[in-house]
Structures are given as structure tokens and as C-alpha cells.
Amino acid sequence: MTPRIMNALLAGAAALTIATAGFAGPAEAGGSLSLTLTPHNARQENAMRMGLGIYGLVNAVQNGASIRQDGFNDTAGIGQNGFGNLGIVHQDGNGHNGSVQQNGNNNAYGLFQFGENTNGHVVQNGNGQVGTAFQFGW
């Protein structure tokens, strides 16, 4: 990852932290925050695709699909029609519901859910698409 991309990610994380600081409430209040990242050029697309590929290598993803859950009462699904697709649903916490549906070829998407009770569903129609979503629930 280039220093420019790393700085952009760090700046985004800092902005997200600052933006959510004012939303603190009682623990029982509940709520969620979603951040969707989509590349705007070929360089960003390659970087995101490489990041998802590294996740796949580290987590031994087989056949282009991975569901990883650490918690209770989580539901997840991945459907793929085509070839060369990479679909990831990673859930850490309780009560998450997420799915990735890919129709086409050479698509890549990572849905990452943390905390509690997030709900995310992604559909990619076409070829060569890439994206990532992070959801945080409380």
C-alpha cells in the first residue's frame, strides 16, 4: 500500500472517529454507522482489490467466498453467478445480518460488520466491480 493511500485511510478513520464522537449516548440507545468505500479510478480499484485479496489469503478463502462470524445470532450469505468473484462477509459481534450477491465476473466485495445488530446487503451486477462496506452497531 502506498503512503498516499495509507494517509487517506488514516485521515478517513480520524474523520470517522471525530464525526461519531458527538453521537455518544447511553449504551442501551442502540444505533449504527455504515461506511461504504468505492474506488474512483483504476489505481484505487487495484488497491482495494489487492486488500481484499490479502484478506482472502490470510483467512484461507476458498472458491472465492468467505463467511467469518465471531458472535451470536448472526446470519450471513453469499451467492455468486459467474467466475473470478470474491465475496466476503465478516461479522464480529452479535445479531448481524449480511449478504453479498454477485452476478457477473471478476467482482470483489467485502462486507465487514462489527458491534451489534447491523444489517447490510450488497448486490453486484456486471463485471469487474469492487467495493467494501464497514458497519458498526451499538
C-alpha atoms as a PDB file:
ATOM      1  CA  MET A   1       0.000   0.000   0.000  1.00  0.00           C
ATOM      2  CA  THR A   2       1.439   3.351  -0.970  1.00  0.00           C
ATOM      3  CA  PRO A   3       1.995   6.107   1.618  1.00  0.00           C
ATOM      4  CA  ARG A   4      -0.653   8.221  -0.157  1.00  0.00           C
ATOM      5  CA  ILE A   5      -3.319   5.524   0.192  1.00  0.00           C
ATOM      6  CA  MET A   6      -2.289   4.840   3.796  1.00  0.00           C
ATOM      7  CA  ASN A   7      -2.563   8.560   4.650  1.00  0.00           C
ATOM      8  CA  ALA A   8      -6.001   8.729   3.022  1.00  0.00           C
ATOM      9  CA  LEU A   9      -7.203   5.728   5.037  1.00  0.00           C
ATOM     10  CA  LEU A  10      -5.815   7.189   8.276  1.00  0.00           C
ATOM     11  CA  ALA A  11      -7.414  10.566   7.552  1.00  0.00           C
ATOM     12  CA  GLY A  12     -10.736   8.834   6.876  1.00  0.00           C
ATOM     13  CA  ALA A  13     -10.505   6.862  10.114  1.00  0.00           C
ATOM     14  CA  ALA A  14      -9.690  10.037  12.069  1.00  0.00           C
ATOM     15  CA  ALA A  15     -12.628  11.892  10.491  1.00  0.00           C
ATOM     16  CA  LEU A  16     -14.930   8.971  11.278  1.00  0.00           C
ATOM     17  CA  THR A  17     -13.784   8.958  14.906  1.00  0.00           C
ATOM     18  CA  ILE A  18     -14.324  12.704  15.264  1.00  0.00           C
ATOM     19  CA  ALA A  19     -17.695  12.578  13.482  1.00  0.00           C
ATOM     20  CA  THR A  20     -19.037   9.821  15.722  1.00  0.00           C
ATOM     21  CA  ALA A  21     -17.764  11.308  18.993  1.00  0.00           C
ATOM     22  CA  GLY A  22     -20.788  13.619  19.191  1.00  0.00           C
ATOM     23  CA  PHE A  23     -23.236  10.720  18.817  1.00  0.00           C
ATOM     24  CA  ALA A  24     -22.377   9.057  22.108  1.00  0.00           C
ATOM     25  CA  GLY A  25     -25.425   8.185  24.173  1.00  0.00           C
ATOM     26  CA  PRO A  26     -26.491   5.648  26.723  1.00  0.00           C
ATOM     27  CA  ALA A  27     -25.340   2.124  25.937  1.00  0.00           C
ATOM     28  CA  GLU A  28     -28.929   0.966  25.599  1.00  0.00           C
ATOM     29  CA  ALA A  29     -29.727   3.636  22.979  1.00  0.00           C
ATOM     30  CA  GLY A  30     -28.684   1.466  20.017  1.00  0.00           C
ATOM     31  CA  GLY A  31     -27.794   2.626  16.545  1.00  0.00           C
ATOM     32  CA  SER A  32     -25.381   2.020  13.714  1.00  0.00           C
ATOM     33  CA  LEU A  33     -22.939   3.705  11.386  1.00  0.00           C
ATOM     34  CA  SER A  34     -22.092   2.495   7.868  1.00  0.00           C
ATOM     35  CA  LEU A  35     -19.139   3.475   5.709  1.00  0.00           C
ATOM     36  CA  THR A  36     -19.095   2.346   2.061  1.00  0.00           C
ATOM     37  CA  LEU A  37     -15.912   2.655   0.015  1.00  0.00           C
ATOM     38  CA  THR A  38     -15.978   2.574  -3.791  1.00  0.00           C
ATOM     39  CA  PRO A  39     -12.924   3.257  -5.937  1.00  0.00           C
ATOM     40  CA  HIS A  40     -12.992   6.241  -8.301  1.00  0.00           C
ATOM     41  CA  ASN A  41     -10.138   5.233 -10.583  1.00  0.00           C
ATOM     42  CA  ALA A  42      -8.121   2.196 -11.671  1.00  0.00           C
ATOM     43  CA  ARG A  43      -5.397   2.767  -9.082  1.00  0.00           C
ATOM     44  CA  GLN A  44      -7.883   2.825  -6.200  1.00  0.00           C
ATOM     45  CA  GLU A  45      -9.678  -0.207  -7.646  1.00  0.00           C
ATOM     46  CA  ASN A  46      -6.427  -2.170  -7.805  1.00  0.00           C
ATOM     47  CA  ALA A  47      -5.542  -1.188  -4.230  1.00  0.00           C
ATOM     48  CA  MET A  48      -8.949  -2.238  -2.902  1.00  0.00           C
ATOM     49  CA  ARG A  49      -8.918  -5.474  -4.893  1.00  0.00           C
ATOM     50  CA  MET A  50      -5.416  -6.210  -3.538  1.00  0.00           C
ATOM     51  CA  GLY A  51      -6.551  -5.519   0.038  1.00  0.00           C
ATOM     52  CA  LEU A  52      -9.491  -7.903  -0.305  1.00  0.00           C
ATOM     53  CA  GLY A  53      -7.167 -10.461  -1.895  1.00  0.00           C
ATOM     54  CA  ILE A  54      -4.750 -10.202   1.039  1.00  0.00           C
ATOM     55  CA  TYR A  55      -7.673 -10.707   3.426  1.00  0.00           C
ATOM     56  CA  GLY A  56      -8.565 -13.783   1.383  1.00  0.00           C
ATOM     57  CA  LEU A  57      -5.033 -15.174   1.613  1.00  0.00           C
ATOM     58  CA  VAL A  58      -4.687 -14.539   5.346  1.00  0.00           C
ATOM     59  CA  ASN A  59      -8.080 -16.113   6.051  1.00  0.00           C
ATOM     60  CA  ALA A  60      -7.658 -19.034   3.626  1.00  0.00           C
ATOM     61  CA  VAL A  61     -10.676 -18.097   1.480  1.00  0.00           C
ATOM     62  CA  GLN A  62     -11.536 -20.922  -0.891  1.00  0.00           C
ATOM     63  CA  ASN A  63     -13.683 -20.842  -4.023  1.00  0.00           C
ATOM     64  CA  GLY A  64     -13.990 -17.049  -3.902  1.00  0.00           C
ATOM     65  CA  ALA A  65     -16.374 -16.836  -0.930  1.00  0.00           C
ATOM     66  CA  SER A  66     -15.865 -16.370   2.798  1.00  0.00           C
ATOM     67  CA  ILE A  67     -18.207 -16.005   5.741  1.00  0.00           C
ATOM     68  CA  ARG A  68     -16.468 -15.426   9.058  1.00  0.00           C
ATOM     69  CA  GLN A  69     -18.531 -14.967  12.223  1.00  0.00           C
ATOM     70  CA  ASP A  70     -17.468 -14.362  15.799  1.00  0.00           C
ATOM     71  CA  GLY A  71     -20.562 -13.796  17.913  1.00  0.00           C
ATOM     72  CA  PHE A  72     -24.112 -14.971  18.486  1.00  0.00           C
ATOM     73  CA  ASN A  73     -27.301 -14.801  16.384  1.00  0.00           C
ATOM     74  CA  ASP A  74     -25.500 -13.692  13.214  1.00  0.00           C
ATOM     75  CA  THR A  75     -26.828 -14.577   9.754  1.00  0.00           C
ATOM     76  CA  ALA A  76     -24.898 -14.305   6.510  1.00  0.00           C
ATOM     77  CA  GLY A  77     -24.999 -15.497   2.931  1.00  0.00           C
ATOM     78  CA  ILE A  78     -23.054 -15.256  -0.313  1.00  0.00           C
ATOM     79  CA  GLY A  79     -24.451 -16.020  -3.762  1.00  0.00           C
ATOM     80  CA  GLN A  80     -22.289 -15.953  -6.876  1.00  0.00           C
ATOM     81  CA  ASN A  81     -23.231 -16.350 -10.533  1.00  0.00           C
ATOM     82  CA  GLY A  82     -20.146 -16.098 -12.732  1.00  0.00           C
ATOM     83  CA  PHE A  83     -16.439 -16.715 -12.352  1.00  0.00           C
ATOM     84  CA  GLY A  84     -13.489 -14.996 -10.700  1.00  0.00           C
ATOM     85  CA  ASN A  85     -15.617 -13.371  -7.984  1.00  0.00           C
ATOM     86  CA  LEU A  86     -14.513 -12.726  -4.395  1.00  0.00           C
ATOM     87  CA  GLY A  87     -17.242 -12.224  -1.783  1.00  0.00           C
ATOM     88  CA  ILE A  88     -16.510 -11.676   1.907  1.00  0.00           C
ATOM     89  CA  VAL A  89     -18.893 -11.301   4.851  1.00  0.00           C
ATOM     90  CA  HIS A  90     -17.030 -10.783   8.139  1.00  0.00           C
ATOM     91  CA  GLN A  91     -19.142 -10.407  11.291  1.00  0.00           C
ATOM     92  CA  ASP A  92     -17.670  -9.668  14.718  1.00  0.00           C
ATOM     93  CA  GLY A  93     -20.327  -9.253  17.393  1.00  0.00           C
ATOM     94  CA  ASN A  94     -23.940 -10.230  17.871  1.00  0.00           C
ATOM     95  CA  GLY A  95     -27.151 -10.025  15.856  1.00  0.00           C
ATOM     96  CA  HIS A  96     -25.663  -9.092  12.468  1.00  0.00           C
ATOM     97  CA  ASN A  97     -27.425  -9.824   9.188  1.00  0.00           C
ATOM     98  CA  GLY A  98     -25.422  -9.555   5.968  1.00  0.00           C
ATOM     99  CA  SER A  99     -25.191 -10.874   2.430  1.00  0.00           C
ATOM    100  CA  VAL A 100     -23.248 -10.402  -0.787  1.00  0.00           C
ATOM    101  CA  GLN A 101     -24.778 -11.371  -4.149  1.00  0.00           C
ATOM    102  CA  GLN A 102     -22.515 -11.246  -7.216  1.00  0.00           C
ATOM    103  CA  ASN A 103     -23.907 -11.643 -10.740  1.00  0.00           C
ATOM    104  CA  GLY A 104     -21.153 -11.400 -13.333  1.00  0.00           C
ATOM    105  CA  ASN A 105     -17.422 -11.989 -13.480  1.00  0.00           C
ATOM    106  CA  ASN A 106     -14.333 -10.729 -11.646  1.00  0.00           C
ATOM    107  CA  ASN A 107     -16.237  -8.823  -8.953  1.00  0.00           C
ATOM    108  CA  ALA A 108     -14.912  -8.321  -5.430  1.00  0.00           C
ATOM    109  CA  TYR A 109     -16.744  -7.096  -2.327  1.00  0.00           C
ATOM    110  CA  GLY A 110     -16.079  -7.149   1.403  1.00  0.00           C
ATOM    111  CA  LEU A 111     -18.851  -6.553   3.953  1.00  0.00           C
ATOM    112  CA  PHE A 112     -17.399  -6.086   7.454  1.00  0.00           C
ATOM    113  CA  GLN A 113     -19.819  -5.804  10.406  1.00  0.00           C
ATOM    114  CA  PHE A 114     -18.770  -5.019  13.986  1.00  0.00           C
ATOM    115  CA  GLY A 115     -20.572  -4.463  17.290  1.00  0.00           C
ATOM    116  CA  GLU A 116     -24.229  -5.397  17.371  1.00  0.00           C
ATOM    117  CA  ASN A 117     -27.309  -5.597  15.163  1.00  0.00           C
ATOM    118  CA  THR A 118     -26.096  -4.262  11.812  1.00  0.00           C
ATOM    119  CA  ASN A 119     -27.932  -5.097   8.608  1.00  0.00           C
ATOM    120  CA  GLY A 120     -26.173  -4.959   5.229  1.00  0.00           C
ATOM    121  CA  HIS A 121     -26.925  -6.488   1.838  1.00  0.00           C
ATOM    122  CA  VAL A 122     -24.898  -5.896  -1.317  1.00  0.00           C
ATOM    123  CA  VAL A 123     -25.662  -6.839  -4.928  1.00  0.00           C
ATOM    124  CA  GLN A 124     -23.101  -6.533  -7.719  1.00  0.00           C
ATOM    125  CA  ASN A 125     -24.478  -6.886 -11.253  1.00  0.00           C
ATOM    126  CA  GLY A 126     -21.963  -6.744 -14.070  1.00  0.00           C
ATOM    127  CA  ASN A 127     -18.266  -7.395 -14.439  1.00  0.00           C
ATOM    128  CA  GLY A 128     -15.135  -6.110 -12.718  1.00  0.00           C
ATOM    129  CA  GLN A 129     -16.805  -4.246  -9.848  1.00  0.00           C
ATOM    130  CA  VAL A 130     -15.150  -3.784  -6.459  1.00  0.00           C
ATOM    131  CA  GLY A 131     -16.247  -2.269  -3.144  1.00  0.00           C
ATOM    132  CA  THR A 132     -16.169  -2.507   0.605  1.00  0.00           C
ATOM    133  CA  ALA A 133     -18.585  -1.642   3.411  1.00  0.00           C
ATOM    134  CA  PHE A 134     -17.883  -1.300   7.131  1.00  0.00           C
ATOM    135  CA  GLN A 135     -20.802  -1.284   9.560  1.00  0.00           C
ATOM    136  CA  PHE A 136     -20.607  -0.550  13.265  1.00  0.00           C
ATOM    137  CA  GLY A 137     -23.590  -1.152  15.553  1.00  0.00           C
ATOM    138  CA  TRP A 138     -24.227  -0.472  19.231  1.00  0.00           C
END
